[in-house]
Amino acid sequence: SAGEIHLDGRDMRRLSARAHARAGIGRTFQAPRLFAGLSVWENI
């Protein structure tokens, strides 16, 4: 709603989660978000 977020000095506002991942942020969740019907390697 207001304020700033900077990653390595770069303004990250208005950037998507995909752009955050490209920039080097990795995120996990309390309930893992996996593809249950795929193999472990296919999930990677």
PDB file of all heavy atoms in Angstrom:
ATOM      1  N   SER A   1       0.836  -1.203   0.000  1.00  0.00           N
ATOM      2  CA  SER A   1       0.000   0.000   0.000  1.00  0.00           C
ATOM      3  C   SER A   1       0.865   1.245   0.000  1.00  0.00           C
ATOM      4  O   SER A   1       0.486   2.283  -0.554  1.00  0.00           O
ATOM      5  CB  SER A   1      -0.920  -0.010   1.226  1.00  0.00           C
ATOM      6  OG  SER A   1      -1.748  -1.156   1.241  1.00  0.00           O
ATOM      7  N   ALA A   2       2.042   1.139   0.632  1.00  0.00           N
ATOM      8  CA  ALA A   2       3.002   2.243   0.681  1.00  0.00           C
ATOM      9  C   ALA A   2       4.352   1.678   1.086  1.00  0.00           C
ATOM     10  O   ALA A   2       4.460   0.551   1.573  1.00  0.00           O
ATOM     11  CB  ALA A   2       2.553   3.311   1.671  1.00  0.00           C
ATOM     12  N   GLY A   3       5.410   2.465   0.870  1.00  0.00           N
ATOM     13  CA  GLY A   3       6.745   2.053   1.265  1.00  0.00           C
ATOM     14  C   GLY A   3       7.556   1.487   0.119  1.00  0.00           C
ATOM     15  O   GLY A   3       7.104   1.453  -1.029  1.00  0.00           O
ATOM     16  N   GLU A   4       8.774   1.025   0.449  1.00  0.00           N
ATOM     17  CA  GLU A   4       9.712   0.583  -0.574  1.00  0.00           C
ATOM     18  C   GLU A   4      10.312  -0.775  -0.222  1.00  0.00           C
ATOM     19  O   GLU A   4      10.488  -1.106   0.948  1.00  0.00           O
ATOM     20  CB  GLU A   4      10.849   1.603  -0.736  1.00  0.00           C
ATOM     21  CG  GLU A   4      10.392   2.999  -1.109  1.00  0.00           C
ATOM     22  CD  GLU A   4      11.544   3.980  -1.186  1.00  0.00           C
ATOM     23  OE1 GLU A   4      12.713   3.531  -1.153  1.00  0.00           O
ATOM     24  OE2 GLU A   4      11.280   5.188  -1.272  1.00  0.00           O
ATOM     25  N   ILE A   5      10.622  -1.538  -1.268  1.00  0.00           N
ATOM     26  CA  ILE A   5      11.332  -2.811  -1.144  1.00  0.00           C
ATOM     27  C   ILE A   5      12.502  -2.777  -2.116  1.00  0.00           C
ATOM     28  O   ILE A   5      12.308  -2.561  -3.318  1.00  0.00           O
ATOM     29  CB  ILE A   5      10.426  -4.010  -1.471  1.00  0.00           C
ATOM     30  CG1 ILE A   5       9.191  -4.036  -0.568  1.00  0.00           C
ATOM     31  CG2 ILE A   5      11.216  -5.313  -1.341  1.00  0.00           C
ATOM     32  CD1 ILE A   5       8.206  -5.133  -0.927  1.00  0.00           C
ATOM     33  N   HIS A   6      13.720  -2.986  -1.599  1.00  0.00           N
ATOM     34  CA  HIS A   6      14.910  -2.977  -2.447  1.00  0.00           C
ATOM     35  C   HIS A   6      15.666  -4.292  -2.277  1.00  0.00           C
ATOM     36  O   HIS A   6      15.869  -4.770  -1.161  1.00  0.00           O
ATOM     37  CB  HIS A   6      15.831  -1.811  -2.079  1.00  0.00           C
ATOM     38  CG  HIS A   6      15.234  -0.476  -2.389  1.00  0.00           C
ATOM     39  ND1 HIS A   6      15.487   0.192  -3.560  1.00  0.00           N
ATOM     40  CD2 HIS A   6      14.388   0.314  -1.682  1.00  0.00           C
ATOM     41  CE1 HIS A   6      14.821   1.347  -3.568  1.00  0.00           C
ATOM     42  NE2 HIS A   6      14.144   1.436  -2.435  1.00  0.00           N
ATOM     43  N   LEU A   7      16.074  -4.876  -3.403  1.00  0.00           N
ATOM     44  CA  LEU A   7      16.911  -6.069  -3.419  1.00  0.00           C
ATOM     45  C   LEU A   7      18.225  -5.689  -4.076  1.00  0.00           C
ATOM     46  O   LEU A   7      18.252  -5.301  -5.248  1.00  0.00           O
ATOM     47  CB  LEU A   7      16.232  -7.195  -4.195  1.00  0.00           C
ATOM     48  CG  LEU A   7      17.010  -8.508  -4.279  1.00  0.00           C
ATOM     49  CD1 LEU A   7      17.079  -9.171  -2.909  1.00  0.00           C
ATOM     50  CD2 LEU A   7      16.372  -9.451  -5.299  1.00  0.00           C
ATOM     51  N   ASP A   8      19.309  -5.770  -3.313  1.00  0.00           N
ATOM     52  CA  ASP A   8      20.624  -5.352  -3.814  1.00  0.00           C
ATOM     53  C   ASP A   8      20.562  -3.931  -4.376  1.00  0.00           C
ATOM     54  O   ASP A   8      21.187  -3.619  -5.397  1.00  0.00           O
ATOM     55  CB  ASP A   8      21.134  -6.315  -4.884  1.00  0.00           C
ATOM     56  CG  ASP A   8      21.500  -7.667  -4.304  1.00  0.00           C
ATOM     57  OD1 ASP A   8      22.041  -7.702  -3.185  1.00  0.00           O
ATOM     58  OD2 ASP A   8      21.236  -8.690  -4.966  1.00  0.00           O
ATOM     59  N   GLY A   9      19.768  -3.085  -3.732  1.00  0.00           N
ATOM     60  CA  GLY A   9      19.651  -1.695  -4.150  1.00  0.00           C
ATOM     61  C   GLY A   9      18.657  -1.448  -5.260  1.00  0.00           C
ATOM     62  O   GLY A   9      18.396  -0.297  -5.619  1.00  0.00           O
ATOM     63  N   ARG A  10      18.060  -2.504  -5.798  1.00  0.00           N
ATOM     64  CA  ARG A  10      17.103  -2.373  -6.900  1.00  0.00           C
ATOM     65  C   ARG A  10      15.690  -2.239  -6.354  1.00  0.00           C
ATOM     66  O   ARG A  10      15.258  -3.028  -5.502  1.00  0.00           O
ATOM     67  CB  ARG A  10      17.187  -3.607  -7.800  1.00  0.00           C
ATOM     68  CG  ARG A  10      16.188  -3.617  -8.944  1.00  0.00           C
ATOM     69  CD  ARG A  10      16.230  -4.953  -9.672  1.00  0.00           C
ATOM     70  NE  ARG A  10      15.267  -5.021 -10.757  1.00  0.00           N
ATOM     71  CZ  ARG A  10      15.004  -6.114 -11.454  1.00  0.00           C
ATOM     72  NH1 ARG A  10      15.666  -7.247 -11.177  1.00  0.00           N
ATOM     73  NH2 ARG A  10      14.107  -6.102 -12.412  1.00  0.00           N
ATOM     74  N   ASP A  11      14.948  -1.270  -6.834  1.00  0.00           N
ATOM     75  CA  ASP A  11      13.566  -1.053  -6.425  1.00  0.00           C
ATOM     76  C   ASP A  11      12.699  -2.182  -6.987  1.00  0.00           C
ATOM     77  O   ASP A  11      12.599  -2.356  -8.199  1.00  0.00           O
ATOM     78  CB  ASP A  11      13.088   0.306  -6.947  1.00  0.00           C
ATOM     79  CG  ASP A  11      11.714   0.699  -6.397  1.00  0.00           C
ATOM     80  OD1 ASP A  11      11.038  -0.157  -5.793  1.00  0.00           O
ATOM     81  OD2 ASP A  11      11.331   1.873  -6.575  1.00  0.00           O
ATOM     82  N   MET A  12      12.081  -2.973  -6.090  1.00  0.00           N
ATOM     83  CA  MET A  12      11.305  -4.138  -6.510  1.00  0.00           C
ATOM     84  C   MET A  12       9.803  -3.869  -6.564  1.00  0.00           C
ATOM     85  O   MET A  12       9.027  -4.768  -6.862  1.00  0.00           O
ATOM     86  CB  MET A  12      11.578  -5.312  -5.558  1.00  0.00           C
ATOM     87  CG  MET A  12      13.035  -5.721  -5.481  1.00  0.00           C
ATOM     88  SD  MET A  12      13.715  -6.289  -7.069  1.00  0.00           S
ATOM     89  CE  MET A  12      12.842  -7.841  -7.275  1.00  0.00           C
ATOM     90  N   ARG A  13       9.382  -2.650  -6.261  1.00  0.00           N
ATOM     91  CA  ARG A  13       7.960  -2.339  -6.306  1.00  0.00           C
ATOM     92  C   ARG A  13       7.408  -2.526  -7.717  1.00  0.00           C
ATOM     93  O   ARG A  13       8.084  -2.267  -8.703  1.00  0.00           O
ATOM     94  CB  ARG A  13       7.711  -0.907  -5.842  1.00  0.00           C
ATOM     95  CG  ARG A  13       7.937  -0.676  -4.351  1.00  0.00           C
ATOM     96  CD  ARG A  13       7.807   0.788  -3.991  1.00  0.00           C
ATOM     97  NE  ARG A  13       8.849   1.588  -4.636  1.00  0.00           N
ATOM     98  CZ  ARG A  13       8.947   2.910  -4.509  1.00  0.00           C
ATOM     99  NH1 ARG A  13       8.069   3.582  -3.797  1.00  0.00           N
ATOM    100  NH2 ARG A  13       9.936   3.547  -5.119  1.00  0.00           N
ATOM    101  N   ARG A  14       6.179  -2.995  -7.762  1.00  0.00           N
ATOM    102  CA  ARG A  14       5.454  -3.200  -9.021  1.00  0.00           C
ATOM    103  C   ARG A  14       6.027  -4.334  -9.862  1.00  0.00           C
ATOM    104  O   ARG A  14       5.655  -4.508 -11.017  1.00  0.00           O
ATOM    105  CB  ARG A  14       5.385  -1.904  -9.844  1.00  0.00           C
ATOM    106  CG  ARG A  14       4.573  -0.807  -9.154  1.00  0.00           C
ATOM    107  CD  ARG A  14       4.551   0.459  -9.966  1.00  0.00           C
ATOM    108  NE  ARG A  14       5.867   1.076 -10.042  1.00  0.00           N
ATOM    109  CZ  ARG A  14       6.377   1.857  -9.082  1.00  0.00           C
ATOM    110  NH1 ARG A  14       5.675   2.101  -7.976  1.00  0.00           N
ATOM    111  NH2 ARG A  14       7.568   2.390  -9.213  1.00  0.00           N
ATOM    112  N   LEU A  15       6.943  -5.121  -9.302  1.00  0.00           N
ATOM    113  CA  LEU A  15       7.466  -6.281 -10.006  1.00  0.00           C
ATOM    114  C   LEU A  15       6.750  -7.547  -9.526  1.00  0.00           C
ATOM    115  O   LEU A  15       6.396  -7.669  -8.359  1.00  0.00           O
ATOM    116  CB  LEU A  15       8.971  -6.419  -9.792  1.00  0.00           C
ATOM    117  CG  LEU A  15       9.845  -5.285 -10.338  1.00  0.00           C
ATOM    118  CD1 LEU A  15      11.307  -5.578 -10.080  1.00  0.00           C
ATOM    119  CD2 LEU A  15       9.595  -5.074 -11.834  1.00  0.00           C
ATOM    120  N   SER A  16       6.549  -8.494 -10.422  1.00  0.00           N
ATOM    121  CA  SER A  16       5.825  -9.726 -10.110  1.00  0.00           C
ATOM    122  C   SER A  16       6.669 -10.678  -9.271  1.00  0.00           C
ATOM    123  O   SER A  16       7.894 -10.514  -9.132  1.00  0.00           O
ATOM    124  CB  SER A  16       5.428 -10.425 -11.407  1.00  0.00           C
ATOM    125  OG  SER A  16       6.592 -10.878 -12.091  1.00  0.00           O
ATOM    126  N   ALA A  17       6.006 -11.702  -8.736  1.00  0.00           N
ATOM    127  CA  ALA A  17       6.732 -12.735  -7.999  1.00  0.00           C
ATOM    128  C   ALA A  17       7.737 -13.441  -8.900  1.00  0.00           C
ATOM    129  O   ALA A  17       8.833 -13.807  -8.464  1.00  0.00           O
ATOM    130  CB  ALA A  17       5.749 -13.743  -7.406  1.00  0.00           C
ATOM    131  N   ARG A  18       7.382 -13.629 -10.162  1.00  0.00           N
ATOM    132  CA  ARG A  18       8.307 -14.245 -11.121  1.00  0.00           C
ATOM    133  C   ARG A  18       9.554 -13.388 -11.285  1.00  0.00           C
ATOM    134  O   ARG A  18      10.678 -13.904 -11.349  1.00  0.00           O
ATOM    135  CB  ARG A  18       7.601 -14.429 -12.466  1.00  0.00           C
ATOM    136  CG  ARG A  18       8.418 -15.192 -13.506  1.00  0.00           C
ATOM    137  CD  ARG A  18       7.644 -15.305 -14.814  1.00  0.00           C
ATOM    138  NE  ARG A  18       8.407 -16.001 -15.840  1.00  0.00           N
ATOM    139  CZ  ARG A  18       8.373 -17.298 -16.054  1.00  0.00           C
ATOM    140  NH1 ARG A  18       7.615 -18.067 -15.298  1.00  0.00           N
ATOM    141  NH2 ARG A  18       9.077 -17.852 -17.021  1.00  0.00           N
ATOM    142  N   ALA A  19       9.362 -12.066 -11.342  1.00  0.00           N
ATOM    143  CA  ALA A  19      10.513 -11.159 -11.456  1.00  0.00           C
ATOM    144  C   ALA A  19      11.373 -11.209 -10.199  1.00  0.00           C
ATOM    145  O   ALA A  19      12.598 -11.112 -10.267  1.00  0.00           O
ATOM    146  CB  ALA A  19      10.038  -9.734 -11.725  1.00  0.00           C
ATOM    147  N   HIS A  20      10.734 -11.375  -9.027  1.00  0.00           N
ATOM    148  CA  HIS A  20      11.492 -11.509  -7.782  1.00  0.00           C
ATOM    149  C   HIS A  20      12.336 -12.780  -7.812  1.00  0.00           C
ATOM    150  O   HIS A  20      13.484 -12.779  -7.352  1.00  0.00           O
ATOM    151  CB  HIS A  20      10.536 -11.538  -6.588  1.00  0.00           C
ATOM    152  CG  HIS A  20      10.022 -10.204  -6.168  1.00  0.00           C
ATOM    153  ND1 HIS A  20       9.192  -9.437  -6.961  1.00  0.00           N
ATOM    154  CD2 HIS A  20      10.221  -9.472  -5.033  1.00  0.00           C
ATOM    155  CE1 HIS A  20       8.903  -8.306  -6.330  1.00  0.00           C
ATOM    156  NE2 HIS A  20       9.518  -8.302  -5.174  1.00  0.00           N
ATOM    157  N   ALA A  21      11.776 -13.875  -8.353  1.00  0.00           N
ATOM    158  CA  ALA A  21      12.531 -15.119  -8.456  1.00  0.00           C
ATOM    159  C   ALA A  21      13.711 -14.954  -9.401  1.00  0.00           C
ATOM    160  O   ALA A  21      14.810 -15.434  -9.133  1.00  0.00           O
ATOM    161  CB  ALA A  21      11.613 -16.248  -8.930  1.00  0.00           C
ATOM    162  N   ARG A  22      13.470 -14.269 -10.531  1.00  0.00           N
ATOM    163  CA  ARG A  22      14.564 -14.015 -11.467  1.00  0.00           C
ATOM    164  C   ARG A  22      15.678 -13.222 -10.809  1.00  0.00           C
ATOM    165  O   ARG A  22      16.855 -13.405 -11.115  1.00  0.00           O
ATOM    166  CB  ARG A  22      14.041 -13.229 -12.677  1.00  0.00           C
ATOM    167  CG  ARG A  22      13.263 -14.021 -13.691  1.00  0.00           C
ATOM    168  CD  ARG A  22      13.210 -13.265 -15.001  1.00  0.00           C
ATOM    169  NE  ARG A  22      12.222 -13.820 -15.907  1.00  0.00           N
ATOM    170  CZ  ARG A  22      10.996 -13.340 -16.068  1.00  0.00           C
ATOM    171  NH1 ARG A  22      10.609 -12.268 -15.375  1.00  0.00           N
ATOM    172  NH2 ARG A  22      10.160 -13.906 -16.904  1.00  0.00           N
ATOM    173  N   ALA A  23      15.300 -12.313  -9.922  1.00  0.00           N
ATOM    174  CA  ALA A  23      16.279 -11.445  -9.275  1.00  0.00           C
ATOM    175  C   ALA A  23      17.071 -12.162  -8.192  1.00  0.00           C
ATOM    176  O   ALA A  23      18.063 -11.626  -7.698  1.00  0.00           O
ATOM    177  CB  ALA A  23      15.578 -10.220  -8.690  1.00  0.00           C
ATOM    178  N   GLY A  24      16.626 -13.376  -7.808  1.00  0.00           N
ATOM    179  CA  GLY A  24      17.407 -14.151  -6.850  1.00  0.00           C
ATOM    180  C   GLY A  24      16.752 -14.436  -5.523  1.00  0.00           C
ATOM    181  O   GLY A  24      17.424 -14.806  -4.562  1.00  0.00           O
ATOM    182  N   ILE A  25      15.423 -14.298  -5.426  1.00  0.00           N
ATOM    183  CA  ILE A  25      14.713 -14.621  -4.194  1.00  0.00           C
ATOM    184  C   ILE A  25      14.042 -15.981  -4.352  1.00  0.00           C
ATOM    185  O   ILE A  25      13.319 -16.225  -5.314  1.00  0.00           O
ATOM    186  CB  ILE A  25      13.654 -13.566  -3.846  1.00  0.00           C
ATOM    187  CG1 ILE A  25      14.291 -12.183  -3.708  1.00  0.00           C
ATOM    188  CG2 ILE A  25      12.941 -13.946  -2.542  1.00  0.00           C
ATOM    189  CD1 ILE A  25      13.289 -11.083  -3.387  1.00  0.00           C
ATOM    190  N   GLY A  26      14.280 -16.880  -3.392  1.00  0.00           N
ATOM    191  CA  GLY A  26      13.624 -18.179  -3.367  1.00  0.00           C
ATOM    192  C   GLY A  26      12.709 -18.271  -2.175  1.00  0.00           C
ATOM    193  O   GLY A  26      13.079 -17.861  -1.070  1.00  0.00           O
ATOM    194  N   ARG A  27      11.508 -18.816  -2.363  1.00  0.00           N
ATOM    195  CA  ARG A  27      10.473 -18.791  -1.333  1.00  0.00           C
ATOM    196  C   ARG A  27       9.853 -20.159  -1.141  1.00  0.00           C
ATOM    197  O   ARG A  27       9.535 -20.843  -2.112  1.00  0.00           O
ATOM    198  CB  ARG A  27       9.420 -17.760  -1.770  1.00  0.00           C
ATOM    199  CG  ARG A  27       8.009 -17.923  -1.186  1.00  0.00           C
ATOM    200  CD  ARG A  27       7.890 -17.157   0.099  1.00  0.00           C
ATOM    201  NE  ARG A  27       6.588 -16.540   0.263  1.00  0.00           N
ATOM    202  CZ  ARG A  27       5.615 -17.004   1.051  1.00  0.00           C
ATOM    203  NH1 ARG A  27       5.783 -18.137   1.710  1.00  0.00           N
ATOM    204  NH2 ARG A  27       4.480 -16.332   1.184  1.00  0.00           N
ATOM    205  N   THR A  28       9.711 -20.608   0.109  1.00  0.00           N
ATOM    206  CA  THR A  28       8.945 -21.802   0.419  1.00  0.00           C
ATOM    207  C   THR A  28       7.733 -21.399   1.246  1.00  0.00           C
ATOM    208  O   THR A  28       7.650 -20.287   1.770  1.00  0.00           O
ATOM    209  CB  THR A  28       9.772 -22.839   1.199  1.00  0.00           C
ATOM    210  OG1 THR A  28      10.058 -22.326   2.514  1.00  0.00           O
ATOM    211  CG2 THR A  28      11.072 -23.165   0.480  1.00  0.00           C
ATOM    212  N   PHE A  29       6.798 -22.353   1.385  1.00  0.00           N
ATOM    213  CA  PHE A  29       5.531 -22.072   2.046  1.00  0.00           C
ATOM    214  C   PHE A  29       5.317 -23.021   3.221  1.00  0.00           C
ATOM    215  O   PHE A  29       5.925 -24.083   3.306  1.00  0.00           O
ATOM    216  CB  PHE A  29       4.376 -22.211   1.054  1.00  0.00           C
ATOM    217  CG  PHE A  29       4.445 -21.225  -0.089  1.00  0.00           C
ATOM    218  CD1 PHE A  29       5.230 -21.490  -1.203  1.00  0.00           C
ATOM    219  CD2 PHE A  29       3.744 -20.036  -0.025  1.00  0.00           C
ATOM    220  CE1 PHE A  29       5.306 -20.583  -2.252  1.00  0.00           C
ATOM    221  CE2 PHE A  29       3.814 -19.116  -1.072  1.00  0.00           C
ATOM    222  CZ  PHE A  29       4.600 -19.394  -2.185  1.00  0.00           C
ATOM    223  N   GLN A  30       4.414 -22.612   4.130  1.00  0.00           N
ATOM    224  CA  GLN A  30       4.129 -23.452   5.292  1.00  0.00           C
ATOM    225  C   GLN A  30       3.608 -24.814   4.843  1.00  0.00           C
ATOM    226  O   GLN A  30       4.008 -25.851   5.376  1.00  0.00           O
ATOM    227  CB  GLN A  30       3.101 -22.769   6.193  1.00  0.00           C
ATOM    228  CG  GLN A  30       2.800 -23.552   7.463  1.00  0.00           C
ATOM    229  CD  GLN A  30       1.934 -22.771   8.423  1.00  0.00           C
ATOM    230  OE1 GLN A  30       1.700 -21.579   8.257  1.00  0.00           O
ATOM    231  NE2 GLN A  30       1.438 -23.454   9.439  1.00  0.00           N
ATOM    232  N   ALA A  31       2.718 -24.829   3.867  1.00  0.00           N
ATOM    233  CA  ALA A  31       2.264 -26.077   3.245  1.00  0.00           C
ATOM    234  C   ALA A  31       2.955 -26.183   1.893  1.00  0.00           C
ATOM    235  O   ALA A  31       2.712 -25.361   1.005  1.00  0.00           O
ATOM    236  CB  ALA A  31       0.754 -26.070   3.070  1.00  0.00           C
ATOM    237  N   PRO A  32       3.871 -27.145   1.721  1.00  0.00           N
ATOM    238  CA  PRO A  32       4.649 -27.236   0.477  1.00  0.00           C
ATOM    239  C   PRO A  32       3.761 -27.261  -0.767  1.00  0.00           C
ATOM    240  O   PRO A  32       2.746 -27.954  -0.805  1.00  0.00           O
ATOM    241  CB  PRO A  32       5.410 -28.553   0.642  1.00  0.00           C
ATOM    242  CG  PRO A  32       5.483 -28.765   2.117  1.00  0.00           C
ATOM    243  CD  PRO A  32       4.210 -28.215   2.671  1.00  0.00           C
ATOM    244  N   ARG A  33       4.146 -26.513  -1.776  1.00  0.00           N
ATOM    245  CA  ARG A  33       3.407 -26.450  -3.035  1.00  0.00           C
ATOM    246  C   ARG A  33       4.134 -27.306  -4.060  1.00  0.00           C
ATOM    247  O   ARG A  33       5.068 -26.859  -4.727  1.00  0.00           O
ATOM    248  CB  ARG A  33       3.278 -25.000  -3.492  1.00  0.00           C
ATOM    249  CG  ARG A  33       2.520 -24.133  -2.492  1.00  0.00           C
ATOM    250  CD  ARG A  33       2.270 -22.737  -3.015  1.00  0.00           C
ATOM    251  NE  ARG A  33       1.504 -21.950  -2.058  1.00  0.00           N
ATOM    252  CZ  ARG A  33       1.083 -20.700  -2.278  1.00  0.00           C
ATOM    253  NH1 ARG A  33       1.383 -20.094  -3.425  1.00  0.00           N
ATOM    254  NH2 ARG A  33       0.381 -20.051  -1.362  1.00  0.00           N
ATOM    255  N   LEU A  34       3.675 -28.543  -4.157  1.00  0.00           N
ATOM    256  CA  LEU A  34       4.310 -29.518  -5.036  1.00  0.00           C
ATOM    257  C   LEU A  34       3.308 -30.039  -6.063  1.00  0.00           C
ATOM    258  O   LEU A  34       2.101 -29.839  -5.936  1.00  0.00           O
ATOM    259  CB  LEU A  34       4.851 -30.702  -4.214  1.00  0.00           C
ATOM    260  CG  LEU A  34       5.753 -30.378  -3.024  1.00  0.00           C
ATOM    261  CD1 LEU A  34       6.089 -31.661  -2.277  1.00  0.00           C
ATOM    262  CD2 LEU A  34       7.017 -29.678  -3.486  1.00  0.00           C
ATOM    263  N   PHE A  35       3.827 -30.750  -7.063  1.00  0.00           N
ATOM    264  CA  PHE A  35       3.001 -31.457  -8.029  1.00  0.00           C
ATOM    265  C   PHE A  35       2.986 -32.922  -7.609  1.00  0.00           C
ATOM    266  O   PHE A  35       3.909 -33.681  -7.918  1.00  0.00           O
ATOM    267  CB  PHE A  35       3.561 -31.286  -9.442  1.00  0.00           C
ATOM    268  CG  PHE A  35       3.610 -29.850  -9.893  1.00  0.00           C
ATOM    269  CD1 PHE A  35       4.790 -29.121  -9.775  1.00  0.00           C
ATOM    270  CD2 PHE A  35       2.481 -29.237 -10.413  1.00  0.00           C
ATOM    271  CE1 PHE A  35       4.840 -27.797 -10.185  1.00  0.00           C
ATOM    272  CE2 PHE A  35       2.525 -27.904 -10.819  1.00  0.00           C
ATOM    273  CZ  PHE A  35       3.699 -27.187 -10.701  1.00  0.00           C
ATOM    274  N   ALA A  36       1.928 -33.314  -6.886  1.00  0.00           N
ATOM    275  CA  ALA A  36       1.884 -34.639  -6.272  1.00  0.00           C
ATOM    276  C   ALA A  36       1.948 -35.762  -7.295  1.00  0.00           C
ATOM    277  O   ALA A  36       2.476 -36.838  -7.009  1.00  0.00           O
ATOM    278  CB  ALA A  36       0.625 -34.776  -5.418  1.00  0.00           C
ATOM    279  N   GLY A  37       1.406 -35.531  -8.502  1.00  0.00           N
ATOM    280  CA  GLY A  37       1.375 -36.574  -9.509  1.00  0.00           C
ATOM    281  C   GLY A  37       2.630 -36.680 -10.345  1.00  0.00           C
ATOM    282  O   GLY A  37       2.716 -37.548 -11.225  1.00  0.00           O
ATOM    283  N   LEU A  38       3.607 -35.814 -10.075  1.00  0.00           N
ATOM    284  CA  LEU A  38       4.882 -35.860 -10.790  1.00  0.00           C
ATOM    285  C   LEU A  38       5.953 -36.457  -9.886  1.00  0.00           C
ATOM    286  O   LEU A  38       5.838 -36.445  -8.658  1.00  0.00           O
ATOM    287  CB  LEU A  38       5.306 -34.457 -11.222  1.00  0.00           C
ATOM    288  CG  LEU A  38       4.388 -33.719 -12.197  1.00  0.00           C
ATOM    289  CD1 LEU A  38       4.992 -32.356 -12.548  1.00  0.00           C
ATOM    290  CD2 LEU A  38       4.131 -34.537 -13.457  1.00  0.00           C
ATOM    291  N   SER A  39       7.006 -36.936 -10.496  1.00  0.00           N
ATOM    292  CA  SER A  39       8.117 -37.483  -9.713  1.00  0.00           C
ATOM    293  C   SER A  39       8.884 -36.362  -9.031  1.00  0.00           C
ATOM    294  O   SER A  39       8.703 -35.178  -9.338  1.00  0.00           O
ATOM    295  CB  SER A  39       9.064 -38.271 -10.620  1.00  0.00           C
ATOM    296  OG  SER A  39       9.783 -37.383 -11.474  1.00  0.00           O
ATOM    297  N   VAL A  40       9.725 -36.758  -8.103  1.00  0.00           N
ATOM    298  CA  VAL A  40      10.579 -35.783  -7.412  1.00  0.00           C
ATOM    299  C   VAL A  40      11.402 -34.993  -8.425  1.00  0.00           C
ATOM    300  O   VAL A  40      11.473 -33.758  -8.363  1.00  0.00           O
ATOM    301  CB  VAL A  40      11.498 -36.528  -6.410  1.00  0.00           C
ATOM    302  CG1 VAL A  40      12.605 -35.609  -5.904  1.00  0.00           C
ATOM    303  CG2 VAL A  40      10.668 -37.059  -5.244  1.00  0.00           C
ATOM    304  N   TRP A  41      12.013 -35.693  -9.382  1.00  0.00           N
ATOM    305  CA  TRP A  41      12.844 -35.014 -10.376  1.00  0.00           C
ATOM    306  C   TRP A  41      12.017 -34.112 -11.282  1.00  0.00           C
ATOM    307  O   TRP A  41      12.425 -33.008 -11.631  1.00  0.00           O
ATOM    308  CB  TRP A  41      13.611 -36.026 -11.205  1.00  0.00           C
ATOM    309  CG  TRP A  41      14.463 -35.418 -12.287  1.00  0.00           C
ATOM    310  CD1 TRP A  41      14.337 -35.598 -13.622  1.00  0.00           C
ATOM    311  CD2 TRP A  41      15.568 -34.519 -12.105  1.00  0.00           C
ATOM    312  NE1 TRP A  41      15.303 -34.866 -14.301  1.00  0.00           N
ATOM    313  CE2 TRP A  41      16.066 -34.201 -13.385  1.00  0.00           C
ATOM    314  CE3 TRP A  41      16.182 -33.965 -10.980  1.00  0.00           C
ATOM    315  CZ2 TRP A  41      17.137 -33.346 -13.574  1.00  0.00           C
ATOM    316  CZ3 TRP A  41      17.262 -33.107 -11.174  1.00  0.00           C
ATOM    317  CH2 TRP A  41      17.723 -32.803 -12.450  1.00  0.00           C
ATOM    318  N   GLU A  42      10.809 -34.571 -11.641  1.00  0.00           N
ATOM    319  CA  GLU A  42       9.933 -33.758 -12.478  1.00  0.00           C
ATOM    320  C   GLU A  42       9.496 -32.485 -11.766  1.00  0.00           C
ATOM    321  O   GLU A  42       9.264 -31.456 -12.418  1.00  0.00           O
ATOM    322  CB  GLU A  42       8.725 -34.574 -12.924  1.00  0.00           C
ATOM    323  CG  GLU A  42       9.063 -35.640 -13.961  1.00  0.00           C
ATOM    324  CD  GLU A  42       7.933 -36.608 -14.215  1.00  0.00           C
ATOM    325  OE1 GLU A  42       7.066 -36.770 -13.316  1.00  0.00           O
ATOM    326  OE2 GLU A  42       7.915 -37.223 -15.293  1.00  0.00           O
ATOM    327  N   ASN A  43       9.381 -32.538 -10.456  1.00  0.00           N
ATOM    328  CA  ASN A  43       9.069 -31.325  -9.700  1.00  0.00           C
ATOM    329  C   ASN A  43      10.199 -30.313  -9.805  1.00  0.00           C
ATOM    330  O   ASN A  43       9.954 -29.105  -9.904  1.00  0.00           O
ATOM    331  CB  ASN A  43       8.782 -31.666  -8.233  1.00  0.00           C
ATOM    332  CG  ASN A  43       7.324 -31.938  -7.967  1.00  0.00           C
ATOM    333  OD1 ASN A  43       6.565 -31.055  -7.582  1.00  0.00           O
ATOM    334  ND2 ASN A  43       6.916 -33.183  -8.172  1.00  0.00           N
ATOM    335  N   ILE A  44      11.428 -30.795  -9.788  1.00  0.00           N
ATOM    336  CA  ILE A  44      12.574 -29.896  -9.962  1.00  0.00           C
ATOM    337  C   ILE A  44      12.513 -29.238 -11.338  1.00  0.00           C
ATOM    338  O   ILE A  44      12.681 -28.016 -11.487  1.00  0.00           O
ATOM    339  CB  ILE A  44      13.901 -30.658  -9.802  1.00  0.00           C
ATOM    340  CG1 ILE A  44      14.058 -31.200  -8.376  1.00  0.00           C
ATOM    341  CG2 ILE A  44      15.090 -29.759 -10.166  1.00  0.00           C
ATOM    342  CD1 ILE A  44      14.267 -30.143  -7.315  1.00  0.00           C
TER     343      ILE A  44
END
